[in-house]
Each structure stands twice: as C-alpha cells, then as structure tokens.
Amino acid sequence: MKKIIAILAILMLFLTACGSETTEETETTDADTTATVKEFEVRMYEDKIDPTTMTVNEGDTVRLVFLNTNPKHFSLEKFDIEEDVTTGVIEFVASEKGAFEYRCSDCDQENLYGVLKVR
C-alpha cells in the first residue's frame, strides 16, 4: 500500500510540473526578412563623413550613434531628420526601399554626404 501511495505521489508531482510550465514567445517575421536593429557609429569631420555608406533592410530600426568632437548639423531628409549633434543617438525605422543621401550641412566641404541604402 505504501508503494502505491508513493507511486501516486510521484505521478502527481510529475503531472503537476508538466502542466504548470508555460512559455510565451513573441516573434515577428516576414517571409523574406526579419526586422532588426542596425547600429552605426557616425563621425562627421570638416572634410569627410564616416561611414559613407550604410546598408539596411526595409523595416529595420536604424540607430545612429554620433561620436563627433564638435557640433555638426546632420540631415537625412527622406526620414525627416534634421539635428545638430555632437554625441548622442538618433533612431528611426527604414520604412522605404531606396538610396537616400545623408549630409553634414555645416561642414567645410560643400558636398559632404553619405548614402543610406535600404533594400
């Protein structure tokens, strides 16, 4: 009788442990791509901007981390970004495919720009 009670107790513990386990996963995926965060360190000098090309997928969150020594005016018109930055972060969603110019509009070089490629 003690053996039956012990077996039933073990069986009850096993069933209780299996029944109370719950996991919840939320994942948003597209058939072709998965949206992610793409981070770029951006430096703007008087005569150059680095990087000159950034490539992301449509739907990605783009995080620009600015590491300037002096304040510079950064613009990415397609995504309505116009900011004076020294250091800091600008984040946006690359919501449209294409190639879009970003600029340092107050640098000494008149045509100082890079290209954001969204595929």
PDB file of N, CA and C in Angstrom:
ATOM      1  N   MET A   1       0.813  -1.189   0.000  1.00  0.00           N
ATOM      2  CA  MET A   1       0.000   0.000   0.000  1.00  0.00           C
ATOM      3  C   MET A   1       0.864   1.263   0.000  1.00  0.00           C
ATOM      4  N   LYS A   2       1.957   1.228   0.778  1.00  0.00           N
ATOM      5  CA  LYS A   2       2.856   2.369   0.821  1.00  0.00           C
ATOM      6  C   LYS A   2       3.483   2.618  -0.553  1.00  0.00           C
ATOM      7  N   LYS A   3       3.755   1.517  -1.271  1.00  0.00           N
ATOM      8  CA  LYS A   3       4.347   1.636  -2.602  1.00  0.00           C
ATOM      9  C   LYS A   3       3.371   2.313  -3.562  1.00  0.00           C
ATOM     10  N   ILE A   4       2.117   1.968  -3.485  1.00  0.00           N
ATOM     11  CA  ILE A   4       1.099   2.559  -4.360  1.00  0.00           C
ATOM     12  C   ILE A   4       0.953   4.048  -4.065  1.00  0.00           C
ATOM     13  N   ILE A   5       0.934   4.414  -2.781  1.00  0.00           N
ATOM     14  CA  ILE A   5       0.826   5.832  -2.408  1.00  0.00           C
ATOM     15  C   ILE A   5       2.060   6.602  -2.887  1.00  0.00           C
ATOM     16  N   ALA A   6       3.238   6.006  -2.751  1.00  0.00           N
ATOM     17  CA  ALA A   6       4.472   6.656  -3.199  1.00  0.00           C
ATOM     18  C   ALA A   6       4.464   6.847  -4.714  1.00  0.00           C
ATOM     19  N   ILE A   7       4.009   5.816  -5.443  1.00  0.00           N
ATOM     20  CA  ILE A   7       3.952   5.906  -6.917  1.00  0.00           C
ATOM     21  C   ILE A   7       2.944   6.969  -7.338  1.00  0.00           C
ATOM     22  N   LEU A   8       1.792   7.000  -6.676  1.00  0.00           N
ATOM     23  CA  LEU A   8       0.781   8.023  -6.998  1.00  0.00           C
ATOM     24  C   LEU A   8       1.294   9.434  -6.687  1.00  0.00           C
ATOM     25  N   ALA A   9       2.019   9.584  -5.592  1.00  0.00           N
ATOM     26  CA  ALA A   9       2.565  10.905  -5.225  1.00  0.00           C
ATOM     27  C   ALA A   9       3.572  11.378  -6.264  1.00  0.00           C
ATOM     28  N   ILE A  10       4.443  10.482  -6.701  1.00  0.00           N
ATOM     29  CA  ILE A  10       5.434  10.821  -7.726  1.00  0.00           C
ATOM     30  C   ILE A  10       4.747  11.161  -9.041  1.00  0.00           C
ATOM     31  N   LEU A  11       3.740  10.376  -9.394  1.00  0.00           N
ATOM     32  CA  LEU A  11       2.984  10.628 -10.617  1.00  0.00           C
ATOM     33  C   LEU A  11       2.287  11.986 -10.566  1.00  0.00           C
ATOM     34  N   MET A  12       1.711  12.338  -9.411  1.00  0.00           N
ATOM     35  CA  MET A  12       1.033  13.636  -9.242  1.00  0.00           C
ATOM     36  C   MET A  12       2.040  14.782  -9.381  1.00  0.00           C
ATOM     37  N   LEU A  13       3.209  14.638  -8.768  1.00  0.00           N
ATOM     38  CA  LEU A  13       4.243  15.671  -8.878  1.00  0.00           C
ATOM     39  C   LEU A  13       4.674  15.847 -10.335  1.00  0.00           C
ATOM     40  N   PHE A  14       4.860  14.753 -11.020  1.00  0.00           N
ATOM     41  CA  PHE A  14       5.271  14.795 -12.424  1.00  0.00           C
ATOM     42  C   PHE A  14       4.222  15.499 -13.284  1.00  0.00           C
ATOM     43  N   LEU A  15       2.964  15.135 -13.120  1.00  0.00           N
ATOM     44  CA  LEU A  15       1.889  15.738 -13.905  1.00  0.00           C
ATOM     45  C   LEU A  15       1.713  17.218 -13.570  1.00  0.00           C
ATOM     46  N   THR A  16       1.857  17.573 -12.305  1.00  0.00           N
ATOM     47  CA  THR A  16       1.734  18.970 -11.893  1.00  0.00           C
ATOM     48  C   THR A  16       2.846  19.807 -12.500  1.00  0.00           C
ATOM     49  N   ALA A  17       4.068  19.280 -12.476  1.00  0.00           N
ATOM     50  CA  ALA A  17       5.209  20.017 -13.032  1.00  0.00           C
ATOM     51  C   ALA A  17       5.050  20.205 -14.531  1.00  0.00           C
ATOM     52  N   CYS A  18       4.612  19.219 -15.238  1.00  0.00           N
ATOM     53  CA  CYS A  18       4.428  19.319 -16.689  1.00  0.00           C
ATOM     54  C   CYS A  18       3.298  20.265 -17.040  1.00  0.00           C
ATOM     55  N   GLY A  19       2.239  20.268 -16.280  1.00  0.00           N
ATOM     56  CA  GLY A  19       1.080  21.089 -16.582  1.00  0.00           C
ATOM     57  C   GLY A  19       1.267  22.552 -16.266  1.00  0.00           C
ATOM     58  N   SER A  20       2.184  22.910 -15.345  1.00  0.00           N
ATOM     59  CA  SER A  20       2.326  24.304 -14.946  1.00  0.00           C
ATOM     60  C   SER A  20       3.356  25.051 -15.772  1.00  0.00           C
ATOM     61  N   GLU A  21       4.062  24.373 -16.624  1.00  0.00           N
ATOM     62  CA  GLU A  21       5.092  25.026 -17.419  1.00  0.00           C
ATOM     63  C   GLU A  21       4.449  25.767 -18.586  1.00  0.00           C
ATOM     64  N   THR A  22       4.685  27.066 -18.628  1.00  0.00           N
ATOM     65  CA  THR A  22       4.184  27.861 -19.746  1.00  0.00           C
ATOM     66  C   THR A  22       5.323  28.702 -20.290  1.00  0.00           C
ATOM     67  N   THR A  23       5.400  28.818 -21.576  1.00  0.00           N
ATOM     68  CA  THR A  23       6.376  29.684 -22.215  1.00  0.00           C
ATOM     69  C   THR A  23       5.646  30.555 -23.208  1.00  0.00           C
ATOM     70  N   GLU A  24       6.102  31.784 -23.304  1.00  0.00           N
ATOM     71  CA  GLU A  24       5.481  32.710 -24.234  1.00  0.00           C
ATOM     72  C   GLU A  24       6.573  33.346 -25.078  1.00  0.00           C
ATOM     73  N   GLU A  25       6.510  33.161 -26.359  1.00  0.00           N
ATOM     74  CA  GLU A  25       7.466  33.759 -27.274  1.00  0.00           C
ATOM     75  C   GLU A  25       6.706  34.598 -28.282  1.00  0.00           C
ATOM     76  N   THR A  26       7.193  35.803 -28.481  1.00  0.00           N
ATOM     77  CA  THR A  26       6.605  36.664 -29.487  1.00  0.00           C
ATOM     78  C   THR A  26       7.683  36.980 -30.504  1.00  0.00           C
ATOM     79  N   GLU A  27       7.451  36.612 -31.715  1.00  0.00           N
ATOM     80  CA  GLU A  27       8.421  36.864 -32.771  1.00  0.00           C
ATOM     81  C   GLU A  27       7.672  37.336 -33.996  1.00  0.00           C
ATOM     82  N   THR A  28       8.113  38.470 -34.525  1.00  0.00           N
ATOM     83  CA  THR A  28       7.502  38.991 -35.737  1.00  0.00           C
ATOM     84  C   THR A  28       8.469  38.754 -36.876  1.00  0.00           C
ATOM     85  N   THR A  29       8.025  38.017 -37.862  1.00  0.00           N
ATOM     86  CA  THR A  29       8.889  37.743 -39.004  1.00  0.00           C
ATOM     87  C   THR A  29       8.139  38.009 -40.288  1.00  0.00           C
ATOM     88  N   ASP A  30       8.898  38.297 -41.295  1.00  0.00           N
ATOM     89  CA  ASP A  30       8.392  38.481 -42.639  1.00  0.00           C
ATOM     90  C   ASP A  30       8.846  37.249 -43.416  1.00  0.00           C
ATOM     91  N   ALA A  31       8.245  36.973 -44.532  1.00  0.00           N
ATOM     92  CA  ALA A  31       8.617  35.797 -45.312  1.00  0.00           C
ATOM     93  C   ALA A  31      10.072  35.861 -45.760  1.00  0.00           C
ATOM     94  N   ASP A  32      10.569  37.058 -46.099  1.00  0.00           N
ATOM     95  CA  ASP A  32      11.919  37.181 -46.631  1.00  0.00           C
ATOM     96  C   ASP A  32      12.926  37.704 -45.615  1.00  0.00           C
ATOM     97  N   THR A  33      12.515  38.586 -44.701  1.00  0.00           N
ATOM     98  CA  THR A  33      13.463  39.209 -43.793  1.00  0.00           C
ATOM     99  C   THR A  33      12.894  39.288 -42.389  1.00  0.00           C
ATOM    100  N   THR A  34      13.772  39.484 -41.458  1.00  0.00           N
ATOM    101  CA  THR A  34      13.385  39.723 -40.087  1.00  0.00           C
ATOM    102  C   THR A  34      13.875  41.121 -39.737  1.00  0.00           C
ATOM    103  N   ALA A  35      13.001  41.978 -39.238  1.00  0.00           N
ATOM    104  CA  ALA A  35      13.382  43.334 -38.871  1.00  0.00           C
ATOM    105  C   ALA A  35      14.294  43.272 -37.651  1.00  0.00           C
ATOM    106  N   THR A  36      15.376  44.025 -37.716  1.00  0.00           N
ATOM    107  CA  THR A  36      16.345  44.063 -36.631  1.00  0.00           C
ATOM    108  C   THR A  36      16.789  45.500 -36.400  1.00  0.00           C
ATOM    109  N   VAL A  37      17.628  45.672 -35.402  1.00  0.00           N
ATOM    110  CA  VAL A  37      18.230  46.978 -35.145  1.00  0.00           C
ATOM    111  C   VAL A  37      19.621  46.966 -35.758  1.00  0.00           C
ATOM    112  N   LYS A  38      19.893  47.948 -36.617  1.00  0.00           N
ATOM    113  CA  LYS A  38      21.219  48.100 -37.224  1.00  0.00           C
ATOM    114  C   LYS A  38      21.827  49.369 -36.648  1.00  0.00           C
ATOM    115  N   GLU A  39      22.976  49.232 -36.020  1.00  0.00           N
ATOM    116  CA  GLU A  39      23.627  50.359 -35.362  1.00  0.00           C
ATOM    117  C   GLU A  39      24.884  50.762 -36.112  1.00  0.00           C
ATOM    118  N   PHE A  40      25.060  52.083 -36.284  1.00  0.00           N
ATOM    119  CA  PHE A  40      26.222  52.624 -36.970  1.00  0.00           C
ATOM    120  C   PHE A  40      26.828  53.738 -36.133  1.00  0.00           C
ATOM    121  N   GLU A  41      28.139  53.745 -36.009  1.00  0.00           N
ATOM    122  CA  GLU A  41      28.836  54.860 -35.389  1.00  0.00           C
ATOM    123  C   GLU A  41      29.108  55.886 -36.478  1.00  0.00           C
ATOM    124  N   VAL A  42      28.689  57.126 -36.245  1.00  0.00           N
ATOM    125  CA  VAL A  42      28.820  58.176 -37.252  1.00  0.00           C
ATOM    126  C   VAL A  42      29.755  59.260 -36.721  1.00  0.00           C
ATOM    127  N   ARG A  43      30.724  59.612 -37.554  1.00  0.00           N
ATOM    128  CA  ARG A  43      31.648  60.707 -37.236  1.00  0.00           C
ATOM    129  C   ARG A  43      31.636  61.687 -38.400  1.00  0.00           C
ATOM    130  N   MET A  44      31.479  62.954 -38.092  1.00  0.00           N
ATOM    131  CA  MET A  44      31.493  63.987 -39.123  1.00  0.00           C
ATOM    132  C   MET A  44      32.659  64.928 -38.842  1.00  0.00           C
ATOM    133  N   TYR A  45      33.547  65.042 -39.825  1.00  0.00           N
ATOM    134  CA  TYR A  45      34.704  65.916 -39.739  1.00  0.00           C
ATOM    135  C   TYR A  45      34.483  67.079 -40.693  1.00  0.00           C
ATOM    136  N   GLU A  46      35.398  68.018 -40.711  1.00  0.00           N
ATOM    137  CA  GLU A  46      35.268  69.161 -41.620  1.00  0.00           C
ATOM    138  C   GLU A  46      35.340  68.739 -43.082  1.00  0.00           C
ATOM    139  N   ASP A  47      36.063  67.652 -43.369  1.00  0.00           N
ATOM    140  CA  ASP A  47      36.276  67.263 -44.764  1.00  0.00           C
ATOM    141  C   ASP A  47      35.786  65.861 -45.114  1.00  0.00           C
ATOM    142  N   LYS A  48      35.155  65.158 -44.181  1.00  0.00           N
ATOM    143  CA  LYS A  48      34.623  63.821 -44.512  1.00  0.00           C
ATOM    144  C   LYS A  48      33.571  63.402 -43.497  1.00  0.00           C
ATOM    145  N   ILE A  49      32.772  62.435 -43.916  1.00  0.00           N
ATOM    146  CA  ILE A  49      31.767  61.821 -43.048  1.00  0.00           C
ATOM    147  C   ILE A  49      32.036  60.323 -43.063  1.00  0.00           C
ATOM    148  N   ASP A  50      31.918  59.696 -41.928  1.00  0.00           N
ATOM    149  CA  ASP A  50      32.210  58.272 -41.814  1.00  0.00           C
ATOM    150  C   ASP A  50      31.100  57.598 -41.026  1.00  0.00           C
ATOM    151  N   PRO A  51      30.462  56.576 -41.542  1.00  0.00           N
ATOM    152  CA  PRO A  51      30.711  55.886 -42.803  1.00  0.00           C
ATOM    153  C   PRO A  51      30.075  56.633 -43.979  1.00  0.00           C
ATOM    154  N   THR A  52      30.568  56.333 -45.173  1.00  0.00           N
ATOM    155  CA  THR A  52      29.995  56.966 -46.365  1.00  0.00           C
ATOM    156  C   THR A  52      28.819  56.165 -46.918  1.00  0.00           C
ATOM    157  N   THR A  53      28.702  54.902 -46.492  1.00  0.00           N
ATOM    158  CA  THR A  53      27.572  54.062 -46.915  1.00  0.00           C
ATOM    159  C   THR A  53      27.085  53.234 -45.732  1.00  0.00           C
ATOM    160  N   MET A  54      25.777  53.203 -45.561  1.00  0.00           N
ATOM    161  CA  MET A  54      25.150  52.339 -44.560  1.00  0.00           C
ATOM    162  C   MET A  54      24.074  51.539 -45.288  1.00  0.00           C
ATOM    163  N   THR A  55      24.050  50.225 -45.085  1.00  0.00           N
ATOM    164  CA  THR A  55      23.082  49.359 -45.761  1.00  0.00           C
ATOM    165  C   THR A  55      22.222  48.640 -44.730  1.00  0.00           C
ATOM    166  N   VAL A  56      20.905  48.724 -44.920  1.00  0.00           N
ATOM    167  CA  VAL A  56      19.946  48.091 -44.015  1.00  0.00           C
ATOM    168  C   VAL A  56      18.835  47.462 -44.847  1.00  0.00           C
ATOM    169  N   ASN A  57      17.971  46.720 -44.172  1.00  0.00           N
ATOM    170  CA  ASN A  57      16.790  46.147 -44.827  1.00  0.00           C
ATOM    171  C   ASN A  57      15.574  46.997 -44.508  1.00  0.00           C
ATOM    172  N   GLU A  58      14.638  47.027 -45.426  1.00  0.00           N
ATOM    173  CA  GLU A  58      13.386  47.733 -45.181  1.00  0.00           C
ATOM    174  C   GLU A  58      12.741  47.180 -43.908  1.00  0.00           C
ATOM    175  N   GLY A  59      12.303  48.051 -43.035  1.00  0.00           N
ATOM    176  CA  GLY A  59      11.690  47.651 -41.778  1.00  0.00           C
ATOM    177  C   GLY A  59      12.655  47.609 -40.609  1.00  0.00           C
ATOM    178  N   ASP A  60      13.963  47.652 -40.881  1.00  0.00           N
ATOM    179  CA  ASP A  60      14.944  47.664 -39.798  1.00  0.00           C
ATOM    180  C   ASP A  60      14.863  48.965 -39.018  1.00  0.00           C
ATOM    181  N   THR A  61      15.170  48.893 -37.744  1.00  0.00           N
ATOM    182  CA  THR A  61      15.368  50.091 -36.945  1.00  0.00           C
ATOM    183  C   THR A  61      16.828  50.481 -37.116  1.00  0.00           C
ATOM    184  N   VAL A  62      17.063  51.727 -37.504  1.00  0.00           N
ATOM    185  CA  VAL A  62      18.416  52.227 -37.712  1.00  0.00           C
ATOM    186  C   VAL A  62      18.782  53.085 -36.506  1.00  0.00           C
ATOM    187  N   ARG A  63      19.893  52.739 -35.878  1.00  0.00           N
ATOM    188  CA  ARG A  63      20.376  53.502 -34.727  1.00  0.00           C
ATOM    189  C   ARG A  63      21.719  54.133 -35.108  1.00  0.00           C
ATOM    190  N   LEU A  64      21.737  55.464 -35.151  1.00  0.00           N
ATOM    191  CA  LEU A  64      22.949  56.204 -35.462  1.00  0.00           C
ATOM    192  C   LEU A  64      23.537  56.727 -34.161  1.00  0.00           C
ATOM    193  N   VAL A  65      24.753  56.316 -33.863  1.00  0.00           N
ATOM    194  CA  VAL A  65      25.448  56.748 -32.654  1.00  0.00           C
ATOM    195  C   VAL A  65      26.511  57.758 -33.085  1.00  0.00           C
ATOM    196  N   PHE A  66      26.333  59.012 -32.705  1.00  0.00           N
ATOM    197  CA  PHE A  66      27.227  60.081 -33.139  1.00  0.00           C
ATOM    198  C   PHE A  66      28.391  60.232 -32.166  1.00  0.00           C
ATOM    199  N   LEU A  67      29.593  60.335 -32.741  1.00  0.00           N
ATOM    200  CA  LEU A  67      30.818  60.448 -31.956  1.00  0.00           C
ATOM    201  C   LEU A  67      31.648  61.622 -32.480  1.00  0.00           C
ATOM    202  N   ASN A  68      31.057  62.800 -32.534  1.00  0.00           N
ATOM    203  CA  ASN A  68      31.738  63.981 -33.044  1.00  0.00           C
ATOM    204  C   ASN A  68      32.471  64.693 -31.912  1.00  0.00           C
ATOM    205  N   THR A  69      33.522  65.418 -32.270  1.00  0.00           N
ATOM    206  CA  THR A  69      34.208  66.232 -31.270  1.00  0.00           C
ATOM    207  C   THR A  69      33.631  67.641 -31.216  1.00  0.00           C
ATOM    208  N   ASN A  70      33.007  68.080 -32.314  1.00  0.00           N
ATOM    209  CA  ASN A  70      32.357  69.385 -32.382  1.00  0.00           C
ATOM    210  C   ASN A  70      30.923  69.206 -32.884  1.00  0.00           C
ATOM    211  N   PRO A  71      30.020  70.118 -32.525  1.00  0.00           N
ATOM    212  CA  PRO A  71      28.648  70.003 -33.020  1.00  0.00           C
ATOM    213  C   PRO A  71      28.594  70.107 -34.544  1.00  0.00           C
ATOM    214  N   LYS A  72      27.815  69.247 -35.158  1.00  0.00           N
ATOM    215  CA  LYS A  72      27.611  69.247 -36.611  1.00  0.00           C
ATOM    216  C   LYS A  72      26.129  69.091 -36.893  1.00  0.00           C
ATOM    217  N   HIS A  73      25.708  69.614 -38.053  1.00  0.00           N
ATOM    218  CA  HIS A  73      24.303  69.501 -38.436  1.00  0.00           C
ATOM    219  C   HIS A  73      24.147  68.302 -39.370  1.00  0.00           C
ATOM    220  N   PHE A  74      23.395  67.283 -38.916  1.00  0.00           N
ATOM    221  CA  PHE A  74      23.156  66.062 -39.675  1.00  0.00           C
ATOM    222  C   PHE A  74      21.756  66.113 -40.254  1.00  0.00           C
ATOM    223  N   SER A  75      21.639  65.775 -41.545  1.00  0.00           N
ATOM    224  CA  SER A  75      20.307  65.720 -42.142  1.00  0.00           C
ATOM    225  C   SER A  75      20.155  64.471 -42.999  1.00  0.00           C
ATOM    226  N   LEU A  76      18.983  63.883 -42.867  1.00  0.00           N
ATOM    227  CA  LEU A  76      18.548  62.748 -43.685  1.00  0.00           C
ATOM    228  C   LEU A  76      17.097  63.057 -44.022  1.00  0.00           C
ATOM    229  N   GLU A  77      16.930  63.841 -45.074  1.00  0.00           N
ATOM    230  CA  GLU A  77      15.624  64.429 -45.396  1.00  0.00           C
ATOM    231  C   GLU A  77      14.518  63.406 -45.606  1.00  0.00           C
ATOM    232  N   LYS A  78      14.821  62.294 -46.252  1.00  0.00           N
ATOM    233  CA  LYS A  78      13.779  61.296 -46.559  1.00  0.00           C
ATOM    234  C   LYS A  78      13.050  60.826 -45.297  1.00  0.00           C
ATOM    235  N   PHE A  79      13.765  60.804 -44.176  1.00  0.00           N
ATOM    236  CA  PHE A  79      13.170  60.338 -42.924  1.00  0.00           C
ATOM    237  C   PHE A  79      12.959  61.486 -41.939  1.00  0.00           C
ATOM    238  N   ASP A  80      12.895  62.707 -42.476  1.00  0.00           N
ATOM    239  CA  ASP A  80      12.606  63.915 -41.689  1.00  0.00           C
ATOM    240  C   ASP A  80      13.540  64.093 -40.500  1.00  0.00           C
ATOM    241  N   ILE A  81      14.830  63.884 -40.729  1.00  0.00           N
ATOM    242  CA  ILE A  81      15.806  64.051 -39.662  1.00  0.00           C
ATOM    243  C   ILE A  81      16.672  65.270 -39.971  1.00  0.00           C
ATOM    244  N   GLU A  82      16.659  66.227 -39.086  1.00  0.00           N
ATOM    245  CA  GLU A  82      17.487  67.437 -39.127  1.00  0.00           C
ATOM    246  C   GLU A  82      17.914  67.690 -37.690  1.00  0.00           C
ATOM    247  N   GLU A  83      19.170  67.404 -37.364  1.00  0.00           N
ATOM    248  CA  GLU A  83      19.612  67.522 -35.969  1.00  0.00           C
ATOM    249  C   GLU A  83      21.018  68.105 -35.889  1.00  0.00           C
ATOM    250  N   ASP A  84      21.236  68.945 -34.887  1.00  0.00           N
ATOM    251  CA  ASP A  84      22.582  69.355 -34.511  1.00  0.00           C
ATOM    252  C   ASP A  84      23.075  68.356 -33.480  1.00  0.00           C
ATOM    253  N   VAL A  85      24.178  67.678 -33.786  1.00  0.00           N
ATOM    254  CA  VAL A  85      24.663  66.628 -32.888  1.00  0.00           C
ATOM    255  C   VAL A  85      26.159  66.736 -32.658  1.00  0.00           C
ATOM    256  N   THR A  86      26.547  66.440 -31.451  1.00  0.00           N
ATOM    257  CA  THR A  86      27.951  66.212 -31.121  1.00  0.00           C
ATOM    258  C   THR A  86      28.059  64.724 -30.818  1.00  0.00           C
ATOM    259  N   THR A  87      27.462  64.340 -29.701  1.00  0.00           N
ATOM    260  CA  THR A  87      27.335  62.922 -29.376  1.00  0.00           C
ATOM    261  C   THR A  87      25.861  62.649 -29.106  1.00  0.00           C
ATOM    262  N   GLY A  88      25.491  61.418 -29.194  1.00  0.00           N
ATOM    263  CA  GLY A  88      24.099  61.062 -28.953  1.00  0.00           C
ATOM    264  C   GLY A  88      23.623  60.037 -29.954  1.00  0.00           C
ATOM    265  N   VAL A  89      22.318  59.758 -29.884  1.00  0.00           N
ATOM    266  CA  VAL A  89      21.736  58.697 -30.705  1.00  0.00           C
ATOM    267  C   VAL A  89      20.497  59.223 -31.413  1.00  0.00           C
ATOM    268  N   ILE A  90      20.375  58.900 -32.685  1.00  0.00           N
ATOM    269  CA  ILE A  90      19.152  59.130 -33.456  1.00  0.00           C
ATOM    270  C   ILE A  90      18.693  57.762 -33.930  1.00  0.00           C
ATOM    271  N   GLU A  91      17.411  57.471 -33.747  1.00  0.00           N
ATOM    272  CA  GLU A  91      16.869  56.169 -34.126  1.00  0.00           C
ATOM    273  C   GLU A  91      15.616  56.371 -34.964  1.00  0.00           C
ATOM    274  N   PHE A  92      15.474  55.560 -36.016  1.00  0.00           N
ATOM    275  CA  PHE A  92      14.303  55.634 -36.888  1.00  0.00           C
ATOM    276  C   PHE A  92      14.137  54.294 -37.580  1.00  0.00           C
ATOM    277  N   VAL A  93      12.977  54.102 -38.211  1.00  0.00           N
ATOM    278  CA  VAL A  93      12.694  52.877 -38.960  1.00  0.00           C
ATOM    279  C   VAL A  93      12.895  53.157 -40.440  1.00  0.00           C
ATOM    280  N   ALA A  94      13.660  52.301 -41.100  1.00  0.00           N
ATOM    281  CA  ALA A  94      13.876  52.405 -42.538  1.00  0.00           C
ATOM    282  C   ALA A  94      12.648  51.846 -43.240  1.00  0.00           C
ATOM    283  N   SER A  95      11.682  52.715 -43.449  1.00  0.00           N
ATOM    284  CA  SER A  95      10.351  52.284 -43.880  1.00  0.00           C
ATOM    285  C   SER A  95      10.164  52.233 -45.397  1.00  0.00           C
ATOM    286  N   GLU A  96      11.186  52.608 -46.147  1.00  0.00           N
ATOM    287  CA  GLU A  96      11.041  52.634 -47.605  1.00  0.00           C
ATOM    288  C   GLU A  96      12.342  52.213 -48.266  1.00  0.00           C
ATOM    289  N   LYS A  97      12.225  51.394 -49.315  1.00  0.00           N
ATOM    290  CA  LYS A  97      13.409  50.956 -50.057  1.00  0.00           C
ATOM    291  C   LYS A  97      13.949  52.091 -50.917  1.00  0.00           C
ATOM    292  N   GLY A  98      15.267  52.084 -51.113  1.00  0.00           N
ATOM    293  CA  GLY A  98      15.887  53.068 -51.978  1.00  0.00           C
ATOM    294  C   GLY A  98      17.260  53.461 -51.452  1.00  0.00           C
ATOM    295  N   ALA A  99      17.848  54.457 -52.109  1.00  0.00           N
ATOM    296  CA  ALA A  99      19.134  55.022 -51.688  1.00  0.00           C
ATOM    297  C   ALA A  99      18.898  56.481 -51.338  1.00  0.00           C
ATOM    298  N   PHE A 100      19.278  56.864 -50.121  1.00  0.00           N
ATOM    299  CA  PHE A 100      18.964  58.188 -49.607  1.00  0.00           C
ATOM    300  C   PHE A 100      20.228  58.860 -49.069  1.00  0.00           C
ATOM    301  N   GLU A 101      20.437  60.107 -49.464  1.00  0.00           N
ATOM    302  CA  GLU A 101      21.616  60.848 -49.016  1.00  0.00           C
ATOM    303  C   GLU A 101      21.429  61.377 -47.606  1.00  0.00           C
ATOM    304  N   TYR A 102      22.501  61.274 -46.823  1.00  0.00           N
ATOM    305  CA  TYR A 102      22.560  61.977 -45.542  1.00  0.00           C
ATOM    306  C   TYR A 102      23.743  62.931 -45.630  1.00  0.00           C
ATOM    307  N   ARG A 103      23.655  64.048 -44.923  1.00  0.00           N
ATOM    308  CA  ARG A 103      24.630  65.120 -45.087  1.00  0.00           C
ATOM    309  C   ARG A 103      25.077  65.726 -43.767  1.00  0.00           C
ATOM    310  N   CYS A 104      26.267  66.285 -43.835  1.00  0.00           N
ATOM    311  CA  CYS A 104      26.741  67.214 -42.811  1.00  0.00           C
ATOM    312  C   CYS A 104      26.633  68.579 -43.479  1.00  0.00           C
ATOM    313  N   SER A 105      25.584  69.316 -43.163  1.00  0.00           N
ATOM    314  CA  SER A 105      25.300  70.544 -43.906  1.00  0.00           C
ATOM    315  C   SER A 105      26.116  71.755 -43.447  1.00  0.00           C
ATOM    316  N   ASP A 106      26.827  71.664 -42.324  1.00  0.00           N
ATOM    317  CA  ASP A 106      27.635  72.807 -41.916  1.00  0.00           C
ATOM    318  C   ASP A 106      29.134  72.496 -41.883  1.00  0.00           C
ATOM    319  N   CYS A 107      29.544  71.409 -42.543  1.00  0.00           N
ATOM    320  CA  CYS A 107      30.966  71.083 -42.645  1.00  0.00           C
ATOM    321  C   CYS A 107      31.604  71.942 -43.730  1.00  0.00           C
ATOM    322  N   ASP A 108      32.932  72.050 -43.717  1.00  0.00           N
ATOM    323  CA  ASP A 108      33.641  72.888 -44.685  1.00  0.00           C
ATOM    324  C   ASP A 108      33.470  72.395 -46.117  1.00  0.00           C
ATOM    325  N   GLN A 109      33.439  71.093 -46.290  1.00  0.00           N
ATOM    326  CA  GLN A 109      33.281  70.500 -47.612  1.00  0.00           C
ATOM    327  C   GLN A 109      31.835  70.680 -48.062  1.00  0.00           C
ATOM    328  N   GLU A 110      31.613  71.292 -49.215  1.00  0.00           N
ATOM    329  CA  GLU A 110      30.249  71.602 -49.658  1.00  0.00           C
ATOM    330  C   GLU A 110      29.395  70.365 -49.917  1.00  0.00           C
ATOM    331  N   ASN A 111      29.967  69.349 -50.523  1.00  0.00           N
ATOM    332  CA  ASN A 111      29.197  68.150 -50.869  1.00  0.00           C
ATOM    333  C   ASN A 111      29.563  66.977 -49.972  1.00  0.00           C
ATOM    334  N   LEU A 112      29.544  67.204 -48.686  1.00  0.00           N
ATOM    335  CA  LEU A 112      29.890  66.155 -47.745  1.00  0.00           C
ATOM    336  C   LEU A 112      28.642  65.330 -47.422  1.00  0.00           C
ATOM    337  N   TYR A 113      28.565  64.135 -48.003  1.00  0.00           N
ATOM    338  CA  TYR A 113      27.381  63.308 -47.818  1.00  0.00           C
ATOM    339  C   TYR A 113      27.745  61.828 -47.833  1.00  0.00           C
ATOM    340  N   GLY A 114      26.798  61.035 -47.377  1.00  0.00           N
ATOM    341  CA  GLY A 114      26.887  59.580 -47.454  1.00  0.00           C
ATOM    342  C   GLY A 114      25.559  59.062 -47.984  1.00  0.00           C
ATOM    343  N   VAL A 115      25.466  57.742 -48.131  1.00  0.00           N
ATOM    344  CA  VAL A 115      24.253  57.147 -48.692  1.00  0.00           C
ATOM    345  C   VAL A 115      23.748  56.036 -47.762  1.00  0.00           C
ATOM    346  N   LEU A 116      22.461  56.117 -47.437  1.00  0.00           N
ATOM    347  CA  LEU A 116      21.767  55.059 -46.718  1.00  0.00           C
ATOM    348  C   LEU A 116      21.061  54.216 -47.770  1.00  0.00           C
ATOM    349  N   LYS A 117      21.461  52.947 -47.862  1.00  0.00           N
ATOM    350  CA  LYS A 117      20.824  52.027 -48.816  1.00  0.00           C
ATOM    351  C   LYS A 117      19.859  51.135 -48.062  1.00  0.00           C
ATOM    352  N   VAL A 118      18.597  51.194 -48.469  1.00  0.00           N
ATOM    353  CA  VAL A 118      17.552  50.369 -47.855  1.00  0.00           C
ATOM    354  C   VAL A 118      17.097  49.366 -48.904  1.00  0.00           C
ATOM    355  N   ARG A 119      17.298  48.077 -48.627  1.00  0.00           N
ATOM    356  CA  ARG A 119      16.922  47.040 -49.608  1.00  0.00           C
ATOM    357  C   ARG A 119      15.700  46.286 -49.169  1.00  0.00           C
TER     358      ARG A 119
END
